[in-house]
Structures are given as C-alpha cells and as structure tokens.
Amino acid sequence: MNKLLFSGVLISTIFSVQLSSFAQSLPRLRRNMNYAQARTMLIQRGWRPVVNPEQVNNPNRSGVIDYLIKKGYTEVLDCSGTGLGLCLFQFRNARGQNLFVSTANNEPRQQSTIYDWRIE
C-alpha cells in the first residue's frame, strides 16, 4: 500500500513539474512571424502580457501606440517614430522572467511582425 501511494505521489509530482516546465517554455518564435499569432502562442505557454499603465492611461500617446492598445496589446512599452518604426512589448512568466518582443509593421492596415526578442 505504501509503495502504491509513494508511486502515485511520485508520478503526480513528475507530471506537474513537466506541465509547469512546458507552460513556461518559449514557443518557437521566428523573425517576420505575425505578432498576433506569436502573442497567442505565448499566452498559451503561460507567458502573461505585462500591462503598461503609462501607455494605457496616457491621453497623448502616439497614433501607433493608440492603435495597438485599442487592438488589446496593452503590453506595448514604446514605439520608435523613425526607421523601421519598431515597437517593444513585454511578457512575464510565473518564474518572473521577462520576455521583450520587438515588432515591425505596426501601422494600421499592416500586420505587426516579430523583429526580435530577448529574455531577461
């Protein structure tokens, strides 16, 4: 009986550790990947968008940031106004790791695409 109980506890512990590891793993991101698809994959893996109250509550935010927030991308940190017009987004996992994703093609009538990412 004790062996059976111990086996059950051991199996459930291993299973929960594997599940939590899977939930926190980074999905296979690719450069030029559609941001909306990447965002969905990240959320499914346990990464949570970090709401940026400075941008969300800013009545004078730029047009691109306003557009992204209205799309529900409240994790936007900032966008550059020149060059590729890159935008930076932040996610956090349960372990406290931060994932920063930069995107290009952020204007209305375009689909934001992954440009780069890093974990800190």
PDB file of N, CA and C in Angstrom:
ATOM      1  N   MET A   1       0.821  -1.198   0.000  1.00  0.00           N
ATOM      2  CA  MET A   1       0.000   0.000   0.000  1.00  0.00           C
ATOM      3  C   MET A   1       0.862   1.258   0.000  1.00  0.00           C
ATOM      4  N   ASN A   2       1.892   1.299   0.853  1.00  0.00           N
ATOM      5  CA  ASN A   2       2.771   2.467   0.909  1.00  0.00           C
ATOM      6  C   ASN A   2       3.516   2.663  -0.413  1.00  0.00           C
ATOM      7  N   LYS A   3       3.927   1.536  -1.045  1.00  0.00           N
ATOM      8  CA  LYS A   3       4.627   1.639  -2.327  1.00  0.00           C
ATOM      9  C   LYS A   3       3.693   2.231  -3.384  1.00  0.00           C
ATOM     10  N   LEU A   4       2.438   1.825  -3.353  1.00  0.00           N
ATOM     11  CA  LEU A   4       1.461   2.323  -4.310  1.00  0.00           C
ATOM     12  C   LEU A   4       1.229   3.813  -4.093  1.00  0.00           C
ATOM     13  N   LEU A   5       1.089   4.229  -2.859  1.00  0.00           N
ATOM     14  CA  LEU A   5       0.888   5.640  -2.538  1.00  0.00           C
ATOM     15  C   LEU A   5       2.113   6.458  -2.957  1.00  0.00           C
ATOM     16  N   PHE A   6       3.308   5.955  -2.629  1.00  0.00           N
ATOM     17  CA  PHE A   6       4.537   6.642  -2.993  1.00  0.00           C
ATOM     18  C   PHE A   6       4.650   6.770  -4.514  1.00  0.00           C
ATOM     19  N   SER A   7       4.326   5.709  -5.232  1.00  0.00           N
ATOM     20  CA  SER A   7       4.379   5.734  -6.704  1.00  0.00           C
ATOM     21  C   SER A   7       3.413   6.771  -7.258  1.00  0.00           C
ATOM     22  N   GLY A   8       2.226   6.831  -6.701  1.00  0.00           N
ATOM     23  CA  GLY A   8       1.232   7.801  -7.158  1.00  0.00           C
ATOM     24  C   GLY A   8       1.692   9.224  -6.923  1.00  0.00           C
ATOM     25  N   VAL A   9       2.265   9.487  -5.755  1.00  0.00           N
ATOM     26  CA  VAL A   9       2.769  10.827  -5.439  1.00  0.00           C
ATOM     27  C   VAL A   9       3.929  11.187  -6.363  1.00  0.00           C
ATOM     28  N   LEU A  10       4.823  10.234  -6.590  1.00  0.00           N
ATOM     29  CA  LEU A  10       5.978  10.466  -7.450  1.00  0.00           C
ATOM     30  C   LEU A  10       5.536  10.769  -8.879  1.00  0.00           C
ATOM     31  N   ILE A  11       4.611   9.997  -9.399  1.00  0.00           N
ATOM     32  CA  ILE A  11       4.116  10.218 -10.765  1.00  0.00           C
ATOM     33  C   ILE A  11       3.429  11.567 -10.877  1.00  0.00           C
ATOM     34  N   SER A  12       2.591  11.905  -9.899  1.00  0.00           N
ATOM     35  CA  SER A  12       1.888  13.198  -9.974  1.00  0.00           C
ATOM     36  C   SER A  12       2.868  14.360  -9.854  1.00  0.00           C
ATOM     37  N   THR A  13       3.925  14.211  -9.057  1.00  0.00           N
ATOM     38  CA  THR A  13       4.933  15.259  -8.936  1.00  0.00           C
ATOM     39  C   THR A  13       5.680  15.446 -10.246  1.00  0.00           C
ATOM     40  N   ILE A  14       6.107  14.345 -10.847  1.00  0.00           N
ATOM     41  CA  ILE A  14       6.811  14.423 -12.127  1.00  0.00           C
ATOM     42  C   ILE A  14       5.912  15.051 -13.177  1.00  0.00           C
ATOM     43  N   PHE A  15       4.653  14.625 -13.223  1.00  0.00           N
ATOM     44  CA  PHE A  15       3.710  15.149 -14.209  1.00  0.00           C
ATOM     45  C   PHE A  15       3.510  16.648 -14.024  1.00  0.00           C
ATOM     46  N   SER A  16       3.354  17.107 -12.779  1.00  0.00           N
ATOM     47  CA  SER A  16       3.127  18.533 -12.554  1.00  0.00           C
ATOM     48  C   SER A  16       4.375  19.354 -12.877  1.00  0.00           C
ATOM     49  N   VAL A  17       5.561  18.829 -12.596  1.00  0.00           N
ATOM     50  CA  VAL A  17       6.800  19.535 -12.936  1.00  0.00           C
ATOM     51  C   VAL A  17       6.925  19.642 -14.449  1.00  0.00           C
ATOM     52  N   GLN A  18       6.630  18.562 -15.177  1.00  0.00           N
ATOM     53  CA  GLN A  18       6.720  18.607 -16.625  1.00  0.00           C
ATOM     54  C   GLN A  18       5.701  19.582 -17.197  1.00  0.00           C
ATOM     55  N   LEU A  19       4.499  19.601 -16.643  1.00  0.00           N
ATOM     56  CA  LEU A  19       3.486  20.527 -17.129  1.00  0.00           C
ATOM     57  C   LEU A  19       3.900  21.968 -16.883  1.00  0.00           C
ATOM     58  N   SER A  20       4.417  22.265 -15.686  1.00  0.00           N
ATOM     59  CA  SER A  20       4.805  23.638 -15.404  1.00  0.00           C
ATOM     60  C   SER A  20       5.986  24.059 -16.262  1.00  0.00           C
ATOM     61  N   SER A  21       6.893  23.141 -16.550  1.00  0.00           N
ATOM     62  CA  SER A  21       8.007  23.462 -17.434  1.00  0.00           C
ATOM     63  C   SER A  21       7.501  23.748 -18.830  1.00  0.00           C
ATOM     64  N   PHE A  22       6.580  22.952 -19.304  1.00  0.00           N
ATOM     65  CA  PHE A  22       6.009  23.160 -20.640  1.00  0.00           C
ATOM     66  C   PHE A  22       5.281  24.488 -20.696  1.00  0.00           C
ATOM     67  N   ALA A  23       4.529  24.800 -19.630  1.00  0.00           N
ATOM     68  CA  ALA A  23       3.734  26.031 -19.620  1.00  0.00           C
ATOM     69  C   ALA A  23       4.615  27.265 -19.657  1.00  0.00           C
ATOM     70  N   GLN A  24       5.858  27.144 -19.206  1.00  0.00           N
ATOM     71  CA  GLN A  24       6.726  28.305 -19.159  1.00  0.00           C
ATOM     72  C   GLN A  24       7.741  28.342 -20.297  1.00  0.00           C
ATOM     73  N   SER A  25       7.734  27.337 -21.148  1.00  0.00           N
ATOM     74  CA  SER A  25       8.707  27.327 -22.228  1.00  0.00           C
ATOM     75  C   SER A  25       8.339  28.372 -23.280  1.00  0.00           C
ATOM     76  N   LEU A  26       9.334  28.792 -23.971  1.00  0.00           N
ATOM     77  CA  LEU A  26       9.142  29.788 -25.012  1.00  0.00           C
ATOM     78  C   LEU A  26       8.733  29.072 -26.292  1.00  0.00           C
ATOM     79  N   PRO A  27       7.635  29.497 -26.910  1.00  0.00           N
ATOM     80  CA  PRO A  27       7.268  28.865 -28.182  1.00  0.00           C
ATOM     81  C   PRO A  27       8.296  29.216 -29.249  1.00  0.00           C
ATOM     82  N   ARG A  28       8.239  28.528 -30.326  1.00  0.00           N
ATOM     83  CA  ARG A  28       9.194  28.753 -31.414  1.00  0.00           C
ATOM     84  C   ARG A  28       8.844  30.057 -32.144  1.00  0.00           C
ATOM     85  N   LEU A  29       9.480  31.126 -31.711  1.00  0.00           N
ATOM     86  CA  LEU A  29       9.284  32.425 -32.351  1.00  0.00           C
ATOM     87  C   LEU A  29      10.213  32.517 -33.569  1.00  0.00           C
ATOM     88  N   ARG A  30       9.735  33.197 -34.581  1.00  0.00           N
ATOM     89  CA  ARG A  30      10.524  33.391 -35.787  1.00  0.00           C
ATOM     90  C   ARG A  30      10.450  34.852 -36.206  1.00  0.00           C
ATOM     91  N   ARG A  31      11.530  35.333 -36.780  1.00  0.00           N
ATOM     92  CA  ARG A  31      11.512  36.685 -37.319  1.00  0.00           C
ATOM     93  C   ARG A  31      10.483  36.742 -38.452  1.00  0.00           C
ATOM     94  N   ASN A  32       9.740  37.831 -38.536  1.00  0.00           N
ATOM     95  CA  ASN A  32       8.658  38.061 -39.511  1.00  0.00           C
ATOM     96  C   ASN A  32       7.386  37.277 -39.213  1.00  0.00           C
ATOM     97  N   MET A  33       7.336  36.590 -38.087  1.00  0.00           N
ATOM     98  CA  MET A  33       6.120  35.888 -37.667  1.00  0.00           C
ATOM     99  C   MET A  33       5.065  36.924 -37.290  1.00  0.00           C
ATOM    100  N   ASN A  34       3.826  36.649 -37.583  1.00  0.00           N
ATOM    101  CA  ASN A  34       2.715  37.524 -37.234  1.00  0.00           C
ATOM    102  C   ASN A  34       2.663  37.682 -35.714  1.00  0.00           C
ATOM    103  N   TYR A  35       2.651  38.927 -35.224  1.00  0.00           N
ATOM    104  CA  TYR A  35       2.661  39.171 -33.779  1.00  0.00           C
ATOM    105  C   TYR A  35       1.416  38.607 -33.103  1.00  0.00           C
ATOM    106  N   ALA A  36       0.261  38.733 -33.720  1.00  0.00           N
ATOM    107  CA  ALA A  36      -0.977  38.223 -33.106  1.00  0.00           C
ATOM    108  C   ALA A  36      -0.870  36.721 -32.857  1.00  0.00           C
ATOM    109  N   GLN A  37      -0.308  35.982 -33.806  1.00  0.00           N
ATOM    110  CA  GLN A  37      -0.139  34.537 -33.632  1.00  0.00           C
ATOM    111  C   GLN A  37       0.888  34.237 -32.543  1.00  0.00           C
ATOM    112  N   ALA A  38       1.997  34.965 -32.566  1.00  0.00           N
ATOM    113  CA  ALA A  38       3.032  34.766 -31.547  1.00  0.00           C
ATOM    114  C   ALA A  38       2.486  35.083 -30.161  1.00  0.00           C
ATOM    115  N   ARG A  39       1.718  36.126 -30.048  1.00  0.00           N
ATOM    116  CA  ARG A  39       1.126  36.531 -28.767  1.00  0.00           C
ATOM    117  C   ARG A  39       0.219  35.430 -28.226  1.00  0.00           C
ATOM    118  N   THR A  40      -0.610  34.876 -29.084  1.00  0.00           N
ATOM    119  CA  THR A  40      -1.494  33.778 -28.671  1.00  0.00           C
ATOM    120  C   THR A  40      -0.677  32.582 -28.194  1.00  0.00           C
ATOM    121  N   MET A  41       0.366  32.242 -28.917  1.00  0.00           N
ATOM    122  CA  MET A  41       1.225  31.123 -28.520  1.00  0.00           C
ATOM    123  C   MET A  41       1.887  31.385 -27.168  1.00  0.00           C
ATOM    124  N   LEU A  42       2.356  32.601 -26.964  1.00  0.00           N
ATOM    125  CA  LEU A  42       2.995  32.945 -25.690  1.00  0.00           C
ATOM    126  C   LEU A  42       2.015  32.804 -24.533  1.00  0.00           C
ATOM    127  N   ILE A  43       0.824  33.314 -24.697  1.00  0.00           N
ATOM    128  CA  ILE A  43      -0.191  33.241 -23.644  1.00  0.00           C
ATOM    129  C   ILE A  43      -0.554  31.784 -23.364  1.00  0.00           C
ATOM    130  N   GLN A  44      -0.659  30.966 -24.390  1.00  0.00           N
ATOM    131  CA  GLN A  44      -0.957  29.542 -24.210  1.00  0.00           C
ATOM    132  C   GLN A  44       0.147  28.831 -23.441  1.00  0.00           C
ATOM    133  N   ARG A  45       1.367  29.314 -23.538  1.00  0.00           N
ATOM    134  CA  ARG A  45       2.502  28.712 -22.841  1.00  0.00           C
ATOM    135  C   ARG A  45       2.714  29.296 -21.447  1.00  0.00           C
ATOM    136  N   GLY A  46       1.831  30.172 -21.011  1.00  0.00           N
ATOM    137  CA  GLY A  46       1.923  30.693 -19.653  1.00  0.00           C
ATOM    138  C   GLY A  46       2.588  32.043 -19.529  1.00  0.00           C
ATOM    139  N   TRP A  47       3.004  32.645 -20.623  1.00  0.00           N
ATOM    140  CA  TRP A  47       3.564  33.992 -20.589  1.00  0.00           C
ATOM    141  C   TRP A  47       2.409  34.974 -20.539  1.00  0.00           C
ATOM    142  N   ARG A  48       2.462  35.922 -19.633  1.00  0.00           N
ATOM    143  CA  ARG A  48       1.377  36.898 -19.466  1.00  0.00           C
ATOM    144  C   ARG A  48       1.816  38.278 -19.926  1.00  0.00           C
ATOM    145  N   PRO A  49       0.965  38.943 -20.699  1.00  0.00           N
ATOM    146  CA  PRO A  49       1.282  40.318 -21.092  1.00  0.00           C
ATOM    147  C   PRO A  49       1.387  41.202 -19.854  1.00  0.00           C
ATOM    148  N   VAL A  50       2.400  42.042 -19.812  1.00  0.00           N
ATOM    149  CA  VAL A  50       2.580  42.980 -18.706  1.00  0.00           C
ATOM    150  C   VAL A  50       1.936  44.297 -19.138  1.00  0.00           C
ATOM    151  N   VAL A  51       0.814  44.622 -18.514  1.00  0.00           N
ATOM    152  CA  VAL A  51       0.093  45.844 -18.859  1.00  0.00           C
ATOM    153  C   VAL A  51       0.961  47.044 -18.519  1.00  0.00           C
ATOM    154  N   ASN A  52       1.080  47.966 -19.455  1.00  0.00           N
ATOM    155  CA  ASN A  52       1.886  49.166 -19.267  1.00  0.00           C
ATOM    156  C   ASN A  52       0.948  50.343 -18.974  1.00  0.00           C
ATOM    157  N   PRO A  53       0.727  50.662 -17.692  1.00  0.00           N
ATOM    158  CA  PRO A  53      -0.220  51.726 -17.351  1.00  0.00           C
ATOM    159  C   PRO A  53       0.196  53.099 -17.872  1.00  0.00           C
ATOM    160  N   GLU A  54       1.506  53.316 -18.047  1.00  0.00           N
ATOM    161  CA  GLU A  54       1.946  54.612 -18.573  1.00  0.00           C
ATOM    162  C   GLU A  54       1.386  54.866 -19.967  1.00  0.00           C
ATOM    163  N   GLN A  55       1.367  53.834 -20.788  1.00  0.00           N
ATOM    164  CA  GLN A  55       0.829  53.994 -22.135  1.00  0.00           C
ATOM    165  C   GLN A  55      -0.700  53.894 -22.133  1.00  0.00           C
ATOM    166  N   VAL A  56      -1.237  52.951 -21.379  1.00  0.00           N
ATOM    167  CA  VAL A  56      -2.690  52.745 -21.353  1.00  0.00           C
ATOM    168  C   VAL A  56      -3.408  53.995 -20.877  1.00  0.00           C
ATOM    169  N   ASN A  57      -2.854  54.663 -19.868  1.00  0.00           N
ATOM    170  CA  ASN A  57      -3.503  55.833 -19.267  1.00  0.00           C
ATOM    171  C   ASN A  57      -3.036  57.165 -19.851  1.00  0.00           C
ATOM    172  N   ASN A  58      -2.222  57.135 -20.889  1.00  0.00           N
ATOM    173  CA  ASN A  58      -1.686  58.360 -21.478  1.00  0.00           C
ATOM    174  C   ASN A  58      -2.652  58.898 -22.539  1.00  0.00           C
ATOM    175  N   PRO A  59      -3.290  60.034 -22.289  1.00  0.00           N
ATOM    176  CA  PRO A  59      -4.219  60.575 -23.283  1.00  0.00           C
ATOM    177  C   PRO A  59      -3.509  61.149 -24.507  1.00  0.00           C
ATOM    178  N   ASN A  60      -2.202  61.359 -24.404  1.00  0.00           N
ATOM    179  CA  ASN A  60      -1.425  61.949 -25.504  1.00  0.00           C
ATOM    180  C   ASN A  60      -0.500  60.936 -26.176  1.00  0.00           C
ATOM    181  N   ARG A  61      -0.836  59.655 -26.096  1.00  0.00           N
ATOM    182  CA  ARG A  61       0.029  58.639 -26.696  1.00  0.00           C
ATOM    183  C   ARG A  61       0.023  58.762 -28.224  1.00  0.00           C
ATOM    184  N   SER A  62       1.086  58.256 -28.831  1.00  0.00           N
ATOM    185  CA  SER A  62       1.226  58.353 -30.290  1.00  0.00           C
ATOM    186  C   SER A  62       0.138  57.542 -30.988  1.00  0.00           C
ATOM    187  N   GLY A  63      -0.060  57.838 -32.256  1.00  0.00           N
ATOM    188  CA  GLY A  63      -1.084  57.148 -33.032  1.00  0.00           C
ATOM    189  C   GLY A  63      -0.864  55.657 -33.127  1.00  0.00           C
ATOM    190  N   VAL A  64       0.385  55.234 -33.293  1.00  0.00           N
ATOM    191  CA  VAL A  64       0.680  53.799 -33.393  1.00  0.00           C
ATOM    192  C   VAL A  64       0.399  53.115 -32.072  1.00  0.00           C
ATOM    193  N   ILE A  65       0.839  53.703 -30.974  1.00  0.00           N
ATOM    194  CA  ILE A  65       0.588  53.099 -29.658  1.00  0.00           C
ATOM    195  C   ILE A  65      -0.903  53.076 -29.373  1.00  0.00           C
ATOM    196  N   ASP A  66      -1.602  54.135 -29.710  1.00  0.00           N
ATOM    197  CA  ASP A  66      -3.045  54.173 -29.531  1.00  0.00           C
ATOM    198  C   ASP A  66      -3.716  53.030 -30.310  1.00  0.00           C
ATOM    199  N   TYR A  67      -3.295  52.848 -31.550  1.00  0.00           N
ATOM    200  CA  TYR A  67      -3.817  51.773 -32.397  1.00  0.00           C
ATOM    201  C   TYR A  67      -3.574  50.401 -31.763  1.00  0.00           C
ATOM    202  N   LEU A  68      -2.347  50.166 -31.262  1.00  0.00           N
ATOM    203  CA  LEU A  68      -2.010  48.873 -30.665  1.00  0.00           C
ATOM    204  C   LEU A  68      -2.795  48.622 -29.386  1.00  0.00           C
ATOM    205  N   ILE A  69      -2.942  49.640 -28.552  1.00  0.00           N
ATOM    206  CA  ILE A  69      -3.704  49.479 -27.309  1.00  0.00           C
ATOM    207  C   ILE A  69      -5.164  49.194 -27.616  1.00  0.00           C
ATOM    208  N   LYS A  70      -5.717  49.866 -28.610  1.00  0.00           N
ATOM    209  CA  LYS A  70      -7.113  49.598 -28.987  1.00  0.00           C
ATOM    210  C   LYS A  70      -7.289  48.190 -29.542  1.00  0.00           C
ATOM    211  N   LYS A  71      -6.206  47.597 -30.068  1.00  0.00           N
ATOM    212  CA  LYS A  71      -6.248  46.199 -30.508  1.00  0.00           C
ATOM    213  C   LYS A  71      -6.162  45.239 -29.326  1.00  0.00           C
ATOM    214  N   GLY A  72      -5.905  45.781 -28.126  1.00  0.00           N
ATOM    215  CA  GLY A  72      -5.800  44.949 -26.934  1.00  0.00           C
ATOM    216  C   GLY A  72      -4.380  44.624 -26.535  1.00  0.00           C
ATOM    217  N   TYR A  73      -3.403  45.227 -27.188  1.00  0.00           N
ATOM    218  CA  TYR A  73      -1.996  44.973 -26.896  1.00  0.00           C
ATOM    219  C   TYR A  73      -1.493  45.945 -25.836  1.00  0.00           C
ATOM    220  N   THR A  74      -2.045  45.825 -24.636  1.00  0.00           N
ATOM    221  CA  THR A  74      -1.713  46.740 -23.549  1.00  0.00           C
ATOM    222  C   THR A  74      -0.316  46.504 -22.987  1.00  0.00           C
ATOM    223  N   GLU A  75       0.385  45.513 -23.514  1.00  0.00           N
ATOM    224  CA  GLU A  75       1.752  45.220 -23.085  1.00  0.00           C
ATOM    225  C   GLU A  75       2.790  46.031 -23.856  1.00  0.00           C
ATOM    226  N   VAL A  76       2.329  46.936 -24.725  1.00  0.00           N
ATOM    227  CA  VAL A  76       3.267  47.747 -25.509  1.00  0.00           C
ATOM    228  C   VAL A  76       3.997  48.717 -24.583  1.00  0.00           C
ATOM    229  N   LEU A  77       5.315  48.718 -24.682  1.00  0.00           N
ATOM    230  CA  LEU A  77       6.128  49.623 -23.866  1.00  0.00           C
ATOM    231  C   LEU A  77       6.358  50.941 -24.585  1.00  0.00           C
ATOM    232  N   ASP A  78       6.751  50.854 -25.858  1.00  0.00           N
ATOM    233  CA  ASP A  78       7.029  52.065 -26.616  1.00  0.00           C
ATOM    234  C   ASP A  78       7.225  51.702 -28.078  1.00  0.00           C
ATOM    235  N   CYS A  79       7.171  52.718 -28.927  1.00  0.00           N
ATOM    236  CA  CYS A  79       7.425  52.559 -30.357  1.00  0.00           C
ATOM    237  C   CYS A  79       8.348  53.677 -30.804  1.00  0.00           C
ATOM    238  N   SER A  80       9.226  53.341 -31.717  1.00  0.00           N
ATOM    239  CA  SER A  80      10.098  54.381 -32.268  1.00  0.00           C
ATOM    240  C   SER A  80       9.332  55.121 -33.353  1.00  0.00           C
ATOM    241  N   GLY A  81       9.639  56.358 -33.515  1.00  0.00           N
ATOM    242  CA  GLY A  81       8.935  57.149 -34.507  1.00  0.00           C
ATOM    243  C   GLY A  81       9.648  57.223 -35.834  1.00  0.00           C
ATOM    244  N   THR A  82      10.804  56.571 -35.925  1.00  0.00           N
ATOM    245  CA  THR A  82      11.600  56.662 -37.151  1.00  0.00           C
ATOM    246  C   THR A  82      12.095  55.287 -37.569  1.00  0.00           C
ATOM    247  N   GLY A  83      12.721  55.236 -38.714  1.00  0.00           N
ATOM    248  CA  GLY A  83      13.309  53.992 -39.196  1.00  0.00           C
ATOM    249  C   GLY A  83      12.251  52.942 -39.465  1.00  0.00           C
ATOM    250  N   LEU A  84      12.457  51.774 -38.902  1.00  0.00           N
ATOM    251  CA  LEU A  84      11.514  50.676 -39.092  1.00  0.00           C
ATOM    252  C   LEU A  84      10.234  50.852 -38.271  1.00  0.00           C
ATOM    253  N   GLY A  85      10.221  51.830 -37.392  1.00  0.00           N
ATOM    254  CA  GLY A  85       9.045  52.031 -36.550  1.00  0.00           C
ATOM    255  C   GLY A  85       8.817  50.862 -35.613  1.00  0.00           C
ATOM    256  N   LEU A  86       9.897  50.369 -35.030  1.00  0.00           N
ATOM    257  CA  LEU A  86       9.804  49.205 -34.152  1.00  0.00           C
ATOM    258  C   LEU A  86       9.014  49.530 -32.889  1.00  0.00           C
ATOM    259  N   CYS A  87       8.299  48.535 -32.390  1.00  0.00           N
ATOM    260  CA  CYS A  87       7.595  48.644 -31.105  1.00  0.00           C
ATOM    261  C   CYS A  87       8.101  47.544 -30.191  1.00  0.00           C
ATOM    262  N   LEU A  88       8.059  47.792 -28.888  1.00  0.00           N
ATOM    263  CA  LEU A  88       8.548  46.851 -27.898  1.00  0.00           C
ATOM    264  C   LEU A  88       7.406  46.453 -26.979  1.00  0.00           C
ATOM    265  N   PHE A  89       7.274  45.142 -26.752  1.00  0.00           N
ATOM    266  CA  PHE A  89       6.218  44.572 -25.916  1.00  0.00           C
ATOM    267  C   PHE A  89       6.859  43.744 -24.805  1.00  0.00           C
ATOM    268  N   GLN A  90       6.162  43.611 -23.664  1.00  0.00           N
ATOM    269  CA  GLN A  90       6.714  42.868 -22.527  1.00  0.00           C
ATOM    270  C   GLN A  90       5.743  41.800 -22.047  1.00  0.00           C
ATOM    271  N   PHE A  91       6.303  40.615 -21.758  1.00  0.00           N
ATOM    272  CA  PHE A  91       5.578  39.491 -21.161  1.00  0.00           C
ATOM    273  C   PHE A  91       6.373  39.003 -19.964  1.00  0.00           C
ATOM    274  N   ARG A  92       5.695  38.307 -19.043  1.00  0.00           N
ATOM    275  CA  ARG A  92       6.374  37.739 -17.868  1.00  0.00           C
ATOM    276  C   ARG A  92       5.818  36.343 -17.626  1.00  0.00           C
ATOM    277  N   ASN A  93       6.701  35.437 -17.212  1.00  0.00           N
ATOM    278  CA  ASN A  93       6.238  34.098 -16.874  1.00  0.00           C
ATOM    279  C   ASN A  93       6.145  33.933 -15.358  1.00  0.00           C
ATOM    280  N   ALA A  94       5.683  32.773 -14.915  1.00  0.00           N
ATOM    281  CA  ALA A  94       5.479  32.529 -13.481  1.00  0.00           C
ATOM    282  C   ALA A  94       6.785  32.541 -12.699  1.00  0.00           C
ATOM    283  N   ARG A  95       7.896  32.320 -13.361  1.00  0.00           N
ATOM    284  CA  ARG A  95       9.202  32.349 -12.692  1.00  0.00           C
ATOM    285  C   ARG A  95       9.764  33.763 -12.578  1.00  0.00           C
ATOM    286  N   GLY A  96       9.034  34.743 -13.118  1.00  0.00           N
ATOM    287  CA  GLY A  96       9.476  36.128 -13.045  1.00  0.00           C
ATOM    288  C   GLY A  96      10.390  36.557 -14.171  1.00  0.00           C
ATOM    289  N   GLN A  97      10.588  35.695 -15.160  1.00  0.00           N
ATOM    290  CA  GLN A  97      11.395  36.072 -16.315  1.00  0.00           C
ATOM    291  C   GLN A  97      10.603  37.029 -17.193  1.00  0.00           C
ATOM    292  N   ASN A  98      11.295  38.017 -17.733  1.00  0.00           N
ATOM    293  CA  ASN A  98      10.667  38.969 -18.642  1.00  0.00           C
ATOM    294  C   ASN A  98      11.084  38.655 -20.068  1.00  0.00           C
ATOM    295  N   LEU A  99      10.119  38.666 -20.952  1.00  0.00           N
ATOM    296  CA  LEU A  99      10.352  38.485 -22.376  1.00  0.00           C
ATOM    297  C   LEU A  99      10.011  39.797 -23.061  1.00  0.00           C
ATOM    298  N   PHE A 100      10.942  40.321 -23.817  1.00  0.00           N
ATOM    299  CA  PHE A 100      10.728  41.547 -24.571  1.00  0.00           C
ATOM    300  C   PHE A 100      10.702  41.177 -26.049  1.00  0.00           C
ATOM    301  N   VAL A 101       9.633  41.568 -26.721  1.00  0.00           N
ATOM    302  CA  VAL A 101       9.446  41.261 -28.137  1.00  0.00           C
ATOM    303  C   VAL A 101       9.370  42.575 -28.901  1.00  0.00           C
ATOM    304  N   SER A 102      10.207  42.728 -29.919  1.00  0.00           N
ATOM    305  CA  SER A 102      10.111  43.910 -30.767  1.00  0.00           C
ATOM    306  C   SER A 102       9.448  43.509 -32.088  1.00  0.00           C
ATOM    307  N   THR A 103       8.658  44.436 -32.604  1.00  0.00           N
ATOM    308  CA  THR A 103       7.900  44.182 -33.826  1.00  0.00           C
ATOM    309  C   THR A 103       8.115  45.301 -34.840  1.00  0.00           C
ATOM    310  N   ALA A 104       7.873  44.977 -36.084  1.00  0.00           N
ATOM    311  CA  ALA A 104       7.883  45.941 -37.177  1.00  0.00           C
ATOM    312  C   ALA A 104       6.504  45.904 -37.835  1.00  0.00           C
ATOM    313  N   ASN A 105       6.259  46.809 -38.757  1.00  0.00           N
ATOM    314  CA  ASN A 105       4.978  46.847 -39.495  1.00  0.00           C
ATOM    315  C   ASN A 105       3.797  47.069 -38.551  1.00  0.00           C
ATOM    316  N   ASN A 106       3.897  48.074 -37.726  1.00  0.00           N
ATOM    317  CA  ASN A 106       2.895  48.299 -36.688  1.00  0.00           C
ATOM    318  C   ASN A 106       1.808  49.302 -37.052  1.00  0.00           C
ATOM    319  N   GLU A 107       1.849  49.824 -38.233  1.00  0.00           N
ATOM    320  CA  GLU A 107       0.862  50.816 -38.654  1.00  0.00           C
ATOM    321  C   GLU A 107      -0.482  50.148 -38.956  1.00  0.00           C
ATOM    322  N   PRO A 108      -1.578  50.908 -38.831  1.00  0.00           N
ATOM    323  CA  PRO A 108      -2.872  50.362 -39.267  1.00  0.00           C
ATOM    324  C   PRO A 108      -2.780  49.893 -40.726  1.00  0.00           C
ATOM    325  N   ARG A 109      -3.549  48.912 -41.065  1.00  0.00           N
ATOM    326  CA  ARG A 109      -3.577  48.277 -42.390  1.00  0.00           C
ATOM    327  C   ARG A 109      -2.321  47.448 -42.659  1.00  0.00           C
ATOM    328  N   GLN A 110      -1.533  47.201 -41.635  1.00  0.00           N
ATOM    329  CA  GLN A 110      -0.385  46.297 -41.722  1.00  0.00           C
ATOM    330  C   GLN A 110      -0.554  45.250 -40.640  1.00  0.00           C
ATOM    331  N   GLN A 111       0.179  44.169 -40.742  1.00  0.00           N
ATOM    332  CA  GLN A 111       0.186  43.173 -39.683  1.00  0.00           C
ATOM    333  C   GLN A 111       1.538  43.234 -38.982  1.00  0.00           C
ATOM    334  N   SER A 112       1.502  43.524 -37.695  1.00  0.00           N
ATOM    335  CA  SER A 112       2.740  43.578 -36.914  1.00  0.00           C
ATOM    336  C   SER A 112       3.452  42.234 -37.014  1.00  0.00           C
ATOM    337  N   THR A 113       4.759  42.302 -37.216  1.00  0.00           N
ATOM    338  CA  THR A 113       5.557  41.087 -37.323  1.00  0.00           C
ATOM    339  C   THR A 113       6.722  41.125 -36.339  1.00  0.00           C
ATOM    340  N   ILE A 114       7.130  39.964 -35.889  1.00  0.00           N
ATOM    341  CA  ILE A 114       8.243  39.846 -34.963  1.00  0.00           C
ATOM    342  C   ILE A 114       9.530  40.294 -35.649  1.00  0.00           C
ATOM    343  N   TYR A 115      10.269  41.140 -34.969  1.00  0.00           N
ATOM    344  CA  TYR A 115      11.566  41.591 -35.466  1.00  0.00           C
ATOM    345  C   TYR A 115      12.687  40.936 -34.646  1.00  0.00           C
ATOM    346  N   ASP A 116      12.491  40.875 -33.308  1.00  0.00           N
ATOM    347  CA  ASP A 116      13.497  40.297 -32.431  1.00  0.00           C
ATOM    348  C   ASP A 116      12.866  40.046 -31.065  1.00  0.00           C
ATOM    349  N   TRP A 117      13.577  39.332 -30.185  1.00  0.00           N
ATOM    350  CA  TRP A 117      13.101  39.084 -28.819  1.00  0.00           C
ATOM    351  C   TRP A 117      14.291  38.734 -27.929  1.00  0.00           C
ATOM    352  N   ARG A 118      14.073  38.927 -26.626  1.00  0.00           N
ATOM    353  CA  ARG A 118      15.096  38.575 -25.645  1.00  0.00           C
ATOM    354  C   ARG A 118      14.420  38.285 -24.302  1.00  0.00           C
ATOM    355  N   ILE A 119      15.066  37.429 -23.522  1.00  0.00           N
ATOM    356  CA  ILE A 119      14.577  37.111 -22.171  1.00  0.00           C
ATOM    357  C   ILE A 119      15.562  37.683 -21.171  1.00  0.00           C
ATOM    358  N   GLU A 120      15.021  38.317 -20.128  1.00  0.00           N
ATOM    359  CA  GLU A 120      15.862  38.856 -19.051  1.00  0.00           C
ATOM    360  C   GLU A 120      15.405  38.295 -17.728  1.00  0.00           C
TER     361      GLU A 120
END
